[in-house]
Amino acid sequence: MHQNSPSASAAVPRSAREKMLVLIAVILACISLPLSLSAGPAAQTFISRDLAGGTVALSWITNAFMLACGSTLMVAGALADHYGRKKIFFIGMLVMTLVSLAMPFAPSVLWLDFLRVPHGLAAACAYAGGVSMLAQEFEGPARVRIFSLIGIAFGAGLAFGPTLAGGLIALANWHAVFLGSAVISSIALLLCIFYMKDSKNPATHGLDWLGAGTFTLMLTLFTFAVIEAPVHGWTSSLVLGLFLSSGVALVVFVAIELKVPNPMLDLSLFRYPRFVGAQLLPLATAYSYIALLVILPLRFIGIEGLSPLEAGILMLYFSAPLLFIPFLSAMLARFFPVGILSGIGMLISVAGLLLFTQVPLGNHGILMRVDLLLIGLGAAIPWGLMDNLAVSVVPSEKAGMAIGIFGALRVSIDSTSMAIVGSLLAFFARQTLTDFKPDQNPDILTSGAAQLAAGTLAKAGSILSSFDHAQLLQAYELAFQKLLWVAIILTLIAAVLVFGLLGRVRSDHGEIARDKDDEANHAVPAPLTEEVPMAVE
């Protein structure tokens, strides 16, 4: 997404009020997208009681949305630049509103799955169009603050999705979750109609359709492989074939982007070590925080038997830090290196994850609440820094592309992490069940483990009839502990790399700048011959 290309159409002078209303519209869209994603798991147990559909179909309520959204976000950004940012945002919000209104009337889980595909596609259009629109409305330090706010809004939608869903289900039913999303989308749609002005990038010379197609294909194949792995097995011919095809698509995509004159993704940005380091921040938060937003409601409601409201209240400990800590971390970044702050946040999350491994299933006391608070606190520290950082560690003329790449990768990483974590939980549960009873039918164990990972304990018990209730709970608990260790290891690796790549990057009044000595000492051929606004200690 070339949001700030010099040749982009100039923004029409706007009043402060109009700009604020445009900002509100985009913030609502940025809340609605993750809210639609994270609220699904909280409603999943109750949807299964009302609508006909198996475990696989239920899992696709979330999977269909994140696959459609995550794999097309970068393409949506290119469409916004080419055809008009308001047009793409309008189409996205209109379809999101209509589909959200239709989903409560779905006659089966399968129909709900089908509706989630256009829901995800529309969310990608709304997010890409809205974010690129803001890049035209705001400039300089104001844009830095706006993009930090967008990141916080996105995180708030993810974090409070389960809590809001639990409250709506307790007050009404699962239909209210989707109707509530329709209300948010419709407000953003009205603000778009009356206050947004369209803009596009006249310098674009047609869309990079080959690049867009191969990127979408690559991410779709990879995510689909991860989703299907618990059902068919990680070493099955289907899953291995999907992974191999995804790898081939990635190679083809890179080859295309290196040759076409107007690539969808400027690969030269990855020659900046600090830009690569900035991508590690959403990667770490994806596995230490975002994925747990999906897994924890399934555990609390489906496995431990909490009500949606009780689970939502418990999730507040997890999500509340995201409301105020990002603002605090942005203030601290004026005095401390951004990489140091982010790395410390990751280590705090690791401490919370380590404590979580000691919390037995069914314990919701002070230790559980402290664990959730620590994980949320640690994730919230880099959350308020990563958007500005990703844009500011590259030359200003490449900031628009950096915004697009970072936004697309962030949503893609979050989406795939949810699929990977769910698959790993099912895989670990199957391992434990096999250890308990090695002579059991492998297909039955795989199916039962998938039910456990999905939080449908009763269905798991009916499939695994030779296991007693205590064994099923123990299998889930051991699998969850293994999953936490995976998150701990990944977050620790990311923290070490962030300390190394970003440990000296400082923020100066909200903008990242670099001094000349560091530019000379750490220059990378080609890209770093240009001036990069960054300051190093």
Protein backbone atom coordinates (compact mmCIF):
# COMPACT_ATOMS: atom_id res chain seq x y z
CA MET A 1 0.00 0.00 0.00
CA HIS A 2 1.72 3.17 -1.14
CA GLN A 3 -0.07 5.42 1.30
CA ASN A 4 2.29 8.33 1.29
CA SER A 5 3.71 8.16 -2.17
CA PRO A 6 4.72 11.59 -3.36
CA SER A 7 2.60 11.10 -6.40
CA ALA A 8 -0.44 10.12 -4.49
CA SER A 9 -3.41 12.33 -4.96
CA ALA A 10 -3.31 15.26 -2.64
CA ALA A 11 -5.72 15.30 0.20
CA VAL A 12 -8.43 17.92 0.06
CA PRO A 13 -8.05 20.46 2.91
CA ARG A 14 -10.25 19.30 5.76
CA SER A 15 -11.45 20.85 8.99
CA ALA A 16 -10.26 19.37 12.27
CA ARG A 17 -13.82 18.14 12.92
CA GLU A 18 -14.02 16.31 9.60
CA LYS A 19 -10.64 14.69 10.18
CA MET A 20 -11.73 13.58 13.62
CA LEU A 21 -14.90 11.99 12.23
CA VAL A 22 -12.87 10.17 9.58
CA LEU A 23 -10.55 8.96 12.33
CA ILE A 24 -13.52 7.72 14.38
CA ALA A 25 -14.83 5.80 11.36
CA VAL A 26 -11.50 4.04 10.84
CA ILE A 27 -11.08 3.34 14.55
CA LEU A 28 -14.52 1.71 14.60
CA ALA A 29 -13.48 -0.42 11.63
CA CYS A 30 -10.22 -1.33 13.37
CA ILE A 31 -12.20 -2.37 16.45
CA SER A 32 -14.85 -4.25 14.48
CA LEU A 33 -12.36 -6.44 12.58
CA PRO A 34 -10.57 -7.99 15.59
CA LEU A 35 -13.79 -7.99 17.60
CA SER A 36 -15.39 -10.18 14.94
CA LEU A 37 -12.39 -12.49 15.11
CA SER A 38 -11.91 -12.87 18.86
CA ALA A 39 -15.60 -12.91 19.83
CA GLY A 40 -16.28 -16.02 17.72
CA PRO A 41 -14.65 -18.55 20.07
CA ALA A 42 -16.62 -17.21 23.04
CA ALA A 43 -19.87 -17.81 21.15
CA GLN A 44 -18.81 -21.12 19.61
CA THR A 45 -20.04 -23.34 22.46
CA PHE A 46 -23.50 -21.74 22.35
CA ILE A 47 -23.72 -21.83 18.56
CA SER A 48 -23.10 -25.59 18.70
CA ARG A 49 -26.19 -25.98 20.92
CA ASP A 50 -28.51 -24.16 18.51
CA LEU A 51 -27.20 -25.06 15.05
CA ALA A 52 -26.38 -28.39 13.45
CA GLY A 53 -22.71 -28.90 12.68
CA GLY A 54 -19.67 -30.93 13.67
CA THR A 55 -16.45 -29.85 15.36
CA VAL A 56 -14.68 -29.12 12.08
CA ALA A 57 -17.56 -26.90 10.94
CA LEU A 58 -17.54 -25.09 14.30
CA SER A 59 -13.81 -24.39 14.09
CA TRP A 60 -14.33 -22.81 10.67
CA ILE A 61 -16.49 -20.07 12.23
CA THR A 62 -13.18 -18.51 13.26
CA ASN A 63 -10.93 -20.10 10.64
CA ALA A 64 -12.97 -18.92 7.63
CA PHE A 65 -12.89 -15.32 8.84
CA MET A 66 -9.19 -15.19 9.64
CA LEU A 67 -8.19 -17.04 6.47
CA ALA A 68 -10.24 -14.73 4.23
CA CYS A 69 -9.06 -11.59 6.01
CA GLY A 70 -5.42 -12.43 6.63
CA SER A 71 -4.68 -13.73 3.14
CA THR A 72 -6.20 -10.77 1.29
CA LEU A 73 -5.25 -7.75 3.39
CA MET A 74 -2.25 -6.76 1.30
CA VAL A 75 -4.29 -7.21 -1.89
CA ALA A 76 -7.00 -5.00 -0.42
CA GLY A 77 -4.40 -2.32 0.22
CA ALA A 78 -3.30 -2.43 -3.41
CA LEU A 79 -6.94 -2.17 -4.53
CA ALA A 80 -7.43 0.85 -2.26
CA ASP A 81 -4.45 2.63 -3.81
CA HIS A 82 -5.60 1.82 -7.35
CA TYR A 83 -9.38 2.26 -7.26
CA GLY A 84 -9.83 4.66 -4.35
CA ARG A 85 -9.48 4.34 -0.59
CA LYS A 86 -12.98 5.52 0.26
CA LYS A 87 -14.52 3.11 -2.28
CA ILE A 88 -12.72 0.10 -0.81
CA PHE A 89 -13.49 1.18 2.77
CA PHE A 90 -17.16 1.74 1.87
CA ILE A 91 -17.48 -1.67 0.21
CA GLY A 92 -15.83 -3.32 3.21
CA MET A 93 -18.07 -1.67 5.81
CA LEU A 94 -21.23 -2.23 3.75
CA VAL A 95 -20.56 -5.94 3.32
CA MET A 96 -19.52 -6.32 6.97
CA THR A 97 -22.77 -4.71 8.10
CA LEU A 98 -24.98 -6.81 5.82
CA VAL A 99 -23.22 -10.09 6.61
CA SER A 100 -23.26 -9.37 10.36
CA LEU A 101 -27.03 -8.84 10.13
CA ALA A 102 -27.45 -12.09 8.19
CA MET A 103 -25.35 -14.40 10.40
CA PRO A 104 -27.83 -14.69 13.31
CA PHE A 105 -30.32 -16.17 10.83
CA ALA A 106 -27.96 -18.85 9.48
CA PRO A 107 -29.83 -22.21 9.46
CA SER A 108 -26.71 -24.27 10.20
CA VAL A 109 -23.07 -23.96 11.19
CA LEU A 110 -22.09 -24.64 7.57
CA TRP A 111 -24.07 -21.61 6.40
CA LEU A 112 -22.44 -19.55 9.13
CA ASP A 113 -19.03 -20.69 7.86
CA PHE A 114 -19.93 -19.60 4.32
CA LEU A 115 -21.01 -16.17 5.56
CA ARG A 116 -17.75 -15.70 7.46
CA VAL A 117 -15.79 -15.76 4.18
CA PRO A 118 -17.26 -12.52 2.75
CA HIS A 119 -17.17 -11.19 6.32
CA GLY A 120 -13.40 -11.66 6.39
CA LEU A 121 -12.89 -10.30 2.87
CA ALA A 122 -14.91 -7.20 3.78
CA ALA A 123 -12.90 -6.73 6.98
CA ALA A 124 -9.68 -6.73 4.95
CA CYS A 125 -11.09 -4.07 2.63
CA ALA A 126 -12.28 -1.91 5.52
CA TYR A 127 -8.98 -2.10 7.38
CA ALA A 128 -6.77 -1.52 4.33
CA GLY A 129 -8.90 1.28 2.93
CA GLY A 130 -9.25 2.99 6.28
CA VAL A 131 -5.59 2.85 7.26
CA SER A 132 -4.41 4.13 3.87
CA MET A 133 -7.07 6.87 4.08
CA LEU A 134 -5.61 8.08 7.39
CA ALA A 135 -2.15 8.23 5.85
CA GLN A 136 -3.55 10.87 3.48
CA GLU A 137 -5.46 12.79 6.16
CA PHE A 138 -2.58 13.18 8.64
CA GLU A 139 1.10 13.98 8.23
CA GLY A 140 4.27 14.10 10.31
CA PRO A 141 4.07 13.63 14.10
CA ALA A 142 0.26 13.65 13.96
CA ARG A 143 0.31 10.60 11.71
CA VAL A 144 2.71 8.84 14.08
CA ARG A 145 0.26 9.36 16.94
CA ILE A 146 -2.70 8.32 14.80
CA PHE A 147 -1.10 5.04 13.79
CA SER A 148 -0.21 4.27 17.39
CA LEU A 149 -3.86 4.89 18.24
CA ILE A 150 -4.96 2.58 15.41
CA GLY A 151 -2.74 -0.16 16.78
CA ILE A 152 -4.24 0.29 20.23
CA ALA A 153 -7.78 0.23 18.79
CA PHE A 154 -6.99 -2.98 16.93
CA GLY A 155 -5.62 -4.51 20.11
CA ALA A 156 -8.61 -3.37 22.15
CA GLY A 157 -10.95 -5.05 19.69
CA LEU A 158 -9.01 -8.29 19.99
CA ALA A 159 -8.59 -8.11 23.74
CA PHE A 160 -12.13 -7.18 24.70
CA GLY A 161 -13.86 -9.36 22.10
CA PRO A 162 -14.26 -12.34 24.47
CA THR A 163 -15.39 -10.12 27.36
CA LEU A 164 -17.94 -8.24 25.26
CA ALA A 165 -19.17 -11.47 23.69
CA GLY A 166 -19.59 -13.04 27.12
CA GLY A 167 -21.65 -10.08 28.32
CA LEU A 168 -23.87 -10.04 25.21
CA ILE A 169 -24.46 -13.79 25.42
CA ALA A 170 -25.33 -13.50 29.11
CA LEU A 171 -27.75 -10.63 28.43
CA ALA A 172 -29.30 -12.09 25.27
CA ASN A 173 -27.79 -14.93 23.21
CA TRP A 174 -25.04 -15.57 20.66
CA HIS A 175 -26.99 -13.68 17.99
CA ALA A 176 -26.24 -10.46 19.88
CA VAL A 177 -22.52 -10.90 19.23
CA PHE A 178 -22.96 -10.52 15.47
CA LEU A 179 -25.71 -7.91 15.75
CA GLY A 180 -23.43 -5.82 17.96
CA SER A 181 -20.76 -5.99 15.27
CA ALA A 182 -23.35 -4.81 12.74
CA VAL A 183 -24.10 -1.75 14.88
CA ILE A 184 -20.41 -0.76 15.00
CA SER A 185 -19.99 -1.35 11.26
CA SER A 186 -23.08 0.66 10.37
CA ILE A 187 -21.86 3.71 12.33
CA ALA A 188 -18.52 3.57 10.51
CA LEU A 189 -20.39 3.17 7.22
CA LEU A 190 -22.46 6.32 7.81
CA LEU A 191 -19.38 8.34 8.76
CA CYS A 192 -17.70 7.10 5.58
CA ILE A 193 -20.62 8.19 3.39
CA PHE A 194 -20.87 11.71 4.80
CA TYR A 195 -17.32 12.69 5.76
CA MET A 196 -14.73 10.71 3.82
CA LYS A 197 -13.31 12.00 0.55
CA ASP A 198 -11.88 9.56 -1.94
CA SER A 199 -8.23 9.49 -2.93
CA LYS A 200 -6.02 7.15 -4.89
CA ASN A 201 -2.42 6.87 -5.99
CA PRO A 202 -2.24 8.08 -9.61
CA ALA A 203 1.34 6.82 -9.85
CA THR A 204 0.21 3.18 -9.79
CA HIS A 205 0.60 1.52 -13.16
CA GLY A 206 -1.92 -1.25 -12.79
CA LEU A 207 -2.16 -3.83 -10.05
CA ASP A 208 0.45 -6.48 -9.45
CA TRP A 209 -2.10 -9.22 -10.03
CA LEU A 210 0.47 -12.02 -10.23
CA GLY A 211 2.04 -10.96 -6.97
CA ALA A 212 -1.33 -10.49 -5.29
CA GLY A 213 -2.54 -13.88 -6.48
CA THR A 214 0.54 -15.82 -5.43
CA PHE A 215 0.71 -14.09 -2.03
CA THR A 216 -2.94 -14.87 -1.32
CA LEU A 217 -2.47 -18.45 -2.55
CA MET A 218 0.63 -18.94 -0.40
CA LEU A 219 -0.99 -17.70 2.80
CA THR A 220 -4.23 -19.58 2.09
CA LEU A 221 -2.44 -22.89 1.50
CA PHE A 222 -0.29 -22.45 4.62
CA THR A 223 -3.18 -21.55 6.91
CA PHE A 224 -5.39 -24.31 5.48
CA ALA A 225 -2.60 -26.84 6.09
CA VAL A 226 -2.30 -25.76 9.73
CA ILE A 227 -6.08 -25.91 10.21
CA GLU A 228 -6.38 -29.39 8.68
CA ALA A 229 -3.33 -30.86 10.46
CA PRO A 230 -5.20 -31.88 13.66
CA VAL A 231 -7.84 -33.68 11.58
CA HIS A 232 -5.63 -35.48 9.05
CA GLY A 233 -2.30 -35.53 10.91
CA TRP A 234 0.80 -33.37 10.43
CA THR A 235 2.50 -36.03 8.30
CA SER A 236 -0.51 -36.85 6.12
CA SER A 237 -0.11 -36.50 2.36
CA LEU A 238 -2.76 -33.75 2.29
CA VAL A 239 -1.09 -31.56 4.91
CA LEU A 240 2.44 -32.11 3.59
CA GLY A 241 1.21 -31.36 0.07
CA LEU A 242 -0.38 -28.12 1.26
CA PHE A 243 2.80 -27.03 3.04
CA LEU A 244 4.91 -27.89 -0.01
CA SER A 245 2.54 -26.00 -2.31
CA SER A 246 2.65 -23.02 0.04
CA GLY A 247 6.45 -23.04 -0.08
CA VAL A 248 6.44 -23.16 -3.88
CA ALA A 249 3.97 -20.25 -3.97
CA LEU A 250 6.27 -18.26 -1.66
CA VAL A 251 9.27 -18.80 -3.95
CA VAL A 252 7.21 -17.78 -6.98
CA PHE A 253 5.90 -14.71 -5.14
CA VAL A 254 9.41 -13.52 -4.24
CA ALA A 255 10.57 -14.06 -7.83
CA ILE A 256 7.63 -12.03 -9.16
CA GLU A 257 8.14 -9.16 -6.70
CA LEU A 258 11.83 -8.91 -7.62
CA LYS A 259 11.02 -8.54 -11.32
CA VAL A 260 7.84 -6.49 -11.66
CA PRO A 261 8.28 -2.67 -11.91
CA ASN A 262 5.48 -1.89 -9.44
CA PRO A 263 5.52 -4.71 -6.85
CA MET A 264 2.76 -5.18 -4.33
CA LEU A 265 5.44 -5.74 -1.67
CA ASP A 266 8.74 -3.86 -1.74
CA LEU A 267 11.15 -6.59 -0.62
CA SER A 268 14.00 -4.06 -0.32
CA LEU A 269 12.52 -2.98 3.02
CA PHE A 270 13.65 -6.28 4.51
CA ARG A 271 17.25 -5.18 3.94
CA TYR A 272 16.82 -2.82 6.90
CA PRO A 273 17.68 -4.87 10.02
CA ARG A 274 15.55 -2.65 12.23
CA PHE A 275 12.52 -3.07 9.98
CA VAL A 276 12.96 -6.84 10.28
CA GLY A 277 13.27 -6.37 14.04
CA ALA A 278 10.01 -4.43 14.10
CA GLN A 279 8.23 -7.43 12.55
CA LEU A 280 9.30 -9.53 15.54
CA LEU A 281 7.09 -7.50 17.88
CA PRO A 282 3.73 -8.69 16.44
CA LEU A 283 5.23 -12.18 16.08
CA ALA A 284 5.99 -12.31 19.81
CA THR A 285 2.64 -10.86 20.89
CA ALA A 286 0.82 -13.22 18.51
CA TYR A 287 2.00 -16.33 20.36
CA SER A 288 2.22 -14.96 23.88
CA TYR A 289 -1.05 -13.02 23.79
CA ILE A 290 -3.25 -13.00 20.65
CA ALA A 291 -3.55 -16.77 20.28
CA LEU A 292 -4.50 -17.10 23.94
CA LEU A 293 -7.41 -14.72 23.32
CA VAL A 294 -8.96 -17.54 21.30
CA ILE A 295 -7.81 -20.50 23.40
CA LEU A 296 -8.63 -19.16 26.87
CA PRO A 297 -12.40 -18.59 26.37
CA LEU A 298 -12.67 -22.14 24.99
CA ARG A 299 -10.85 -23.42 28.06
CA PHE A 300 -12.81 -21.37 30.57
CA ILE A 301 -16.25 -22.06 29.07
CA GLY A 302 -15.92 -25.41 27.31
CA ILE A 303 -13.48 -27.27 29.56
CA GLU A 304 -13.78 -25.65 32.99
CA GLY A 305 -17.51 -24.92 32.80
CA LEU A 306 -17.54 -21.19 33.50
CA SER A 307 -20.44 -19.09 32.25
CA PRO A 308 -19.74 -16.62 29.42
CA LEU A 309 -19.99 -13.72 31.87
CA GLU A 310 -17.61 -15.36 34.37
CA ALA A 311 -15.14 -16.09 31.57
CA GLY A 312 -15.47 -12.53 30.29
CA ILE A 313 -14.75 -11.07 33.72
CA LEU A 314 -11.69 -13.31 34.06
CA MET A 315 -10.48 -12.19 30.63
CA LEU A 316 -10.54 -8.57 31.83
CA TYR A 317 -7.34 -9.28 33.78
CA PHE A 318 -5.82 -10.35 30.48
CA SER A 319 -7.11 -7.51 28.34
CA ALA A 320 -7.30 -4.46 30.65
CA PRO A 321 -3.58 -3.54 30.36
CA LEU A 322 -4.08 -2.92 26.64
CA LEU A 323 -6.24 0.11 27.46
CA PHE A 324 -3.58 2.21 29.19
CA ILE A 325 -0.14 0.55 29.10
CA PRO A 326 0.50 1.37 25.38
CA PHE A 327 0.13 5.08 26.18
CA LEU A 328 2.54 4.71 29.10
CA SER A 329 5.08 2.81 26.98
CA ALA A 330 4.91 5.53 24.31
CA MET A 331 5.78 8.10 27.00
CA LEU A 332 8.62 5.97 28.38
CA ALA A 333 10.02 5.61 24.85
CA ARG A 334 11.11 9.26 25.07
CA PHE A 335 13.59 8.30 27.79
CA PHE A 336 14.46 4.66 27.12
CA PRO A 337 15.35 2.74 23.93
CA VAL A 338 12.31 1.30 22.19
CA GLY A 339 13.93 -2.12 21.82
CA ILE A 340 14.77 -2.31 25.52
CA LEU A 341 11.20 -1.45 26.51
CA SER A 342 9.77 -3.98 24.05
CA GLY A 343 12.18 -6.70 25.16
CA ILE A 344 11.34 -6.10 28.83
CA GLY A 345 7.66 -6.37 27.96
CA MET A 346 8.26 -9.72 26.30
CA LEU A 347 10.16 -10.96 29.37
CA ILE A 348 7.23 -9.92 31.58
CA SER A 349 4.94 -11.98 29.34
CA VAL A 350 7.35 -14.92 29.65
CA ALA A 351 7.16 -14.62 33.45
CA GLY A 352 3.36 -14.74 33.27
CA LEU A 353 3.44 -17.75 30.94
CA LEU A 354 5.86 -19.56 33.25
CA LEU A 355 3.57 -18.98 36.22
CA PHE A 356 0.61 -20.14 34.12
CA THR A 357 2.24 -23.56 33.71
CA GLN A 358 1.83 -24.00 37.47
CA VAL A 359 -1.90 -23.19 37.55
CA PRO A 360 -3.99 -26.38 37.71
CA LEU A 361 -7.12 -26.76 35.62
CA GLY A 362 -10.15 -25.30 37.40
CA ASN A 363 -8.15 -22.86 39.55
CA HIS A 364 -9.35 -19.30 38.94
CA GLY A 365 -7.91 -17.73 42.07
CA ILE A 366 -5.29 -15.07 42.63
CA LEU A 367 -2.46 -16.97 40.89
CA MET A 368 -4.47 -17.31 37.67
CA ARG A 369 -5.42 -13.64 37.75
CA VAL A 370 -1.83 -12.52 38.35
CA ASP A 371 -0.70 -14.72 35.45
CA LEU A 372 -3.24 -13.21 33.08
CA LEU A 373 -2.35 -9.69 34.22
CA LEU A 374 1.38 -10.27 33.70
CA ILE A 375 0.91 -11.69 30.20
CA GLY A 376 -1.37 -8.82 29.22
CA LEU A 377 0.96 -6.23 30.77
CA GLY A 378 3.97 -7.61 28.95
CA ALA A 379 2.21 -7.70 25.58
CA ALA A 380 0.82 -4.18 26.01
CA ILE A 381 4.27 -2.57 26.33
CA PRO A 382 5.46 -3.25 22.74
CA TRP A 383 1.89 -2.86 21.47
CA GLY A 384 2.04 0.91 21.82
CA LEU A 385 5.41 1.12 20.08
CA MET A 386 5.36 -1.26 17.14
CA ASP A 387 3.25 0.71 14.63
CA ASN A 388 5.36 3.86 14.88
CA LEU A 389 8.56 1.83 14.94
CA ALA A 390 7.79 -0.15 11.78
CA VAL A 391 7.17 3.06 9.82
CA SER A 392 9.99 5.13 11.30
CA VAL A 393 13.00 2.84 10.80
CA VAL A 394 12.84 3.17 7.00
CA PRO A 395 13.34 6.22 4.75
CA SER A 396 10.35 8.55 4.76
CA GLU A 397 9.59 7.92 1.09
CA LYS A 398 9.16 4.23 1.89
CA ALA A 399 6.93 4.79 4.93
CA GLY A 400 3.71 4.15 3.02
CA MET A 401 4.86 0.74 1.84
CA ALA A 402 6.17 0.01 5.35
CA ILE A 403 2.71 0.78 6.79
CA GLY A 404 1.10 -1.59 4.32
CA ILE A 405 3.58 -4.41 4.83
CA PHE A 406 3.51 -4.13 8.61
CA GLY A 407 -0.30 -4.00 8.76
CA ALA A 408 -0.69 -6.95 6.41
CA LEU A 409 1.96 -9.04 8.15
CA ARG A 410 0.53 -8.18 11.56
CA VAL A 411 -2.96 -9.41 10.70
CA SER A 412 -1.54 -12.40 8.82
CA ILE A 413 0.68 -13.35 11.75
CA ASP A 414 -2.21 -12.98 14.21
CA SER A 415 -4.49 -15.07 12.00
CA THR A 416 -2.03 -17.87 11.38
CA SER A 417 -0.94 -17.93 15.03
CA MET A 418 -4.51 -18.69 16.09
CA ALA A 419 -4.67 -21.58 13.64
CA ILE A 420 -1.22 -22.88 14.62
CA VAL A 421 -1.90 -22.71 18.36
CA GLY A 422 -5.24 -24.52 17.98
CA SER A 423 -3.58 -27.22 15.90
CA LEU A 424 -0.72 -27.61 18.37
CA LEU A 425 -3.15 -27.94 21.28
CA ALA A 426 -4.98 -30.74 19.44
CA PHE A 427 -1.65 -32.39 18.55
CA PHE A 428 -0.42 -32.32 22.16
CA ALA A 429 -3.78 -33.61 23.42
CA ARG A 430 -3.59 -36.53 21.00
CA GLN A 431 -0.05 -37.30 22.19
CA THR A 432 -1.22 -37.45 25.80
CA LEU A 433 -4.26 -39.57 24.96
CA THR A 434 -1.99 -41.98 23.07
CA ASP A 435 0.31 -42.21 26.10
CA PHE A 436 -2.70 -43.07 28.25
CA LYS A 437 -4.00 -45.79 25.91
CA PRO A 438 -1.61 -46.68 23.07
CA ASP A 439 -3.89 -49.40 21.69
CA GLN A 440 -6.72 -46.99 20.80
CA ASN A 441 -7.78 -46.35 17.19
CA PRO A 442 -5.60 -43.44 15.93
CA ASP A 443 -8.49 -41.86 14.02
CA ILE A 444 -10.67 -41.85 17.13
CA LEU A 445 -7.86 -40.29 19.17
CA THR A 446 -7.34 -37.60 16.53
CA SER A 447 -11.05 -36.77 16.41
CA GLY A 448 -11.37 -36.71 20.19
CA ALA A 449 -8.28 -34.54 20.59
CA ALA A 450 -9.70 -32.05 18.09
CA GLN A 451 -12.88 -31.86 20.19
CA LEU A 452 -10.84 -31.22 23.34
CA ALA A 453 -8.86 -28.44 21.66
CA ALA A 454 -12.13 -26.88 20.48
CA GLY A 455 -13.42 -26.84 24.06
CA THR A 456 -16.28 -29.29 23.40
CA LEU A 457 -15.63 -31.60 26.34
CA ALA A 458 -18.95 -33.46 26.13
CA LYS A 459 -18.44 -34.37 22.47
CA ALA A 460 -14.87 -35.42 23.21
CA GLY A 461 -16.19 -37.71 25.93
CA SER A 462 -18.71 -39.32 23.57
CA ILE A 463 -15.98 -40.03 21.00
CA LEU A 464 -13.39 -41.16 23.56
CA SER A 465 -15.81 -43.34 25.50
CA SER A 466 -13.02 -45.56 26.86
CA PHE A 467 -11.51 -42.58 28.70
CA ASP A 468 -13.02 -41.32 31.93
CA HIS A 469 -13.71 -37.64 32.62
CA ALA A 470 -10.59 -37.18 34.76
CA GLN A 471 -8.35 -38.55 32.00
CA LEU A 472 -9.81 -36.15 29.45
CA LEU A 473 -9.21 -33.20 31.77
CA GLN A 474 -5.68 -34.37 32.47
CA ALA A 475 -4.98 -34.76 28.75
CA TYR A 476 -6.17 -31.21 28.13
CA GLU A 477 -4.17 -29.81 31.05
CA LEU A 478 -0.92 -31.47 29.95
CA ALA A 479 -1.50 -30.36 26.34
CA PHE A 480 -2.13 -26.79 27.48
CA GLN A 481 1.08 -26.78 29.52
CA LYS A 482 3.08 -27.94 26.47
CA LEU A 483 1.45 -25.17 24.46
CA LEU A 484 2.52 -22.61 27.04
CA TRP A 485 6.11 -23.84 26.78
CA VAL A 486 6.03 -23.34 23.01
CA ALA A 487 4.84 -19.76 23.58
CA ILE A 488 7.57 -19.23 26.20
CA ILE A 489 10.34 -20.41 23.86
CA LEU A 490 9.11 -18.36 20.89
CA THR A 491 8.72 -15.22 23.00
CA LEU A 492 12.19 -15.63 24.52
CA ILE A 493 13.77 -16.01 21.08
CA ALA A 494 11.92 -12.92 19.85
CA ALA A 495 13.02 -10.97 22.95
CA VAL A 496 16.70 -11.79 22.37
CA LEU A 497 16.46 -10.72 18.72
CA VAL A 498 14.62 -7.51 19.63
CA PHE A 499 17.28 -6.59 22.20
CA GLY A 500 19.91 -7.14 19.51
CA LEU A 501 18.21 -5.45 16.56
CA LEU A 502 16.31 -2.66 18.31
CA GLY A 503 18.11 -2.27 21.63
CA ARG A 504 19.66 1.08 20.71
CA VAL A 505 16.70 2.63 18.89
CA ARG A 506 15.35 5.64 20.74
CA SER A 507 12.24 7.76 20.26
CA ASP A 508 12.48 11.54 20.15
CA HIS A 509 9.11 13.17 20.91
CA GLY A 510 7.16 10.43 19.23
CA GLU A 511 9.38 10.17 16.17
CA ILE A 512 12.24 7.74 15.69
CA ALA A 513 15.48 9.29 14.49
CA ARG A 514 19.00 8.08 13.86
CA ASP A 515 22.26 9.98 14.25
CA LYS A 516 24.91 10.14 11.57
CA ASP A 517 27.50 8.11 13.44
CA ASP A 518 25.17 5.15 13.69
CA GLU A 519 24.18 5.53 10.06
CA ALA A 520 27.84 5.23 9.12
CA ASN A 521 28.50 2.32 11.44
CA HIS A 522 25.41 0.27 10.71
CA ALA A 523 24.69 1.10 7.10
CA VAL A 524 23.28 -1.59 4.88
CA PRO A 525 24.20 -1.35 1.19
CA ALA A 526 21.73 0.50 -1.03
CA PRO A 527 18.83 1.30 1.33
CA LEU A 528 20.86 3.03 4.02
CA THR A 529 22.42 5.50 1.63
CA GLU A 530 19.20 7.42 2.13
CA GLU A 531 18.51 9.47 5.21
CA VAL A 532 16.56 7.57 7.82
CA PRO A 533 15.01 9.49 10.74
CA MET A 534 16.19 7.44 13.68
CA ALA A 535 18.23 8.16 16.81
CA VAL A 536 20.58 5.70 18.38
CA GLU A 537 22.05 5.92 21.80
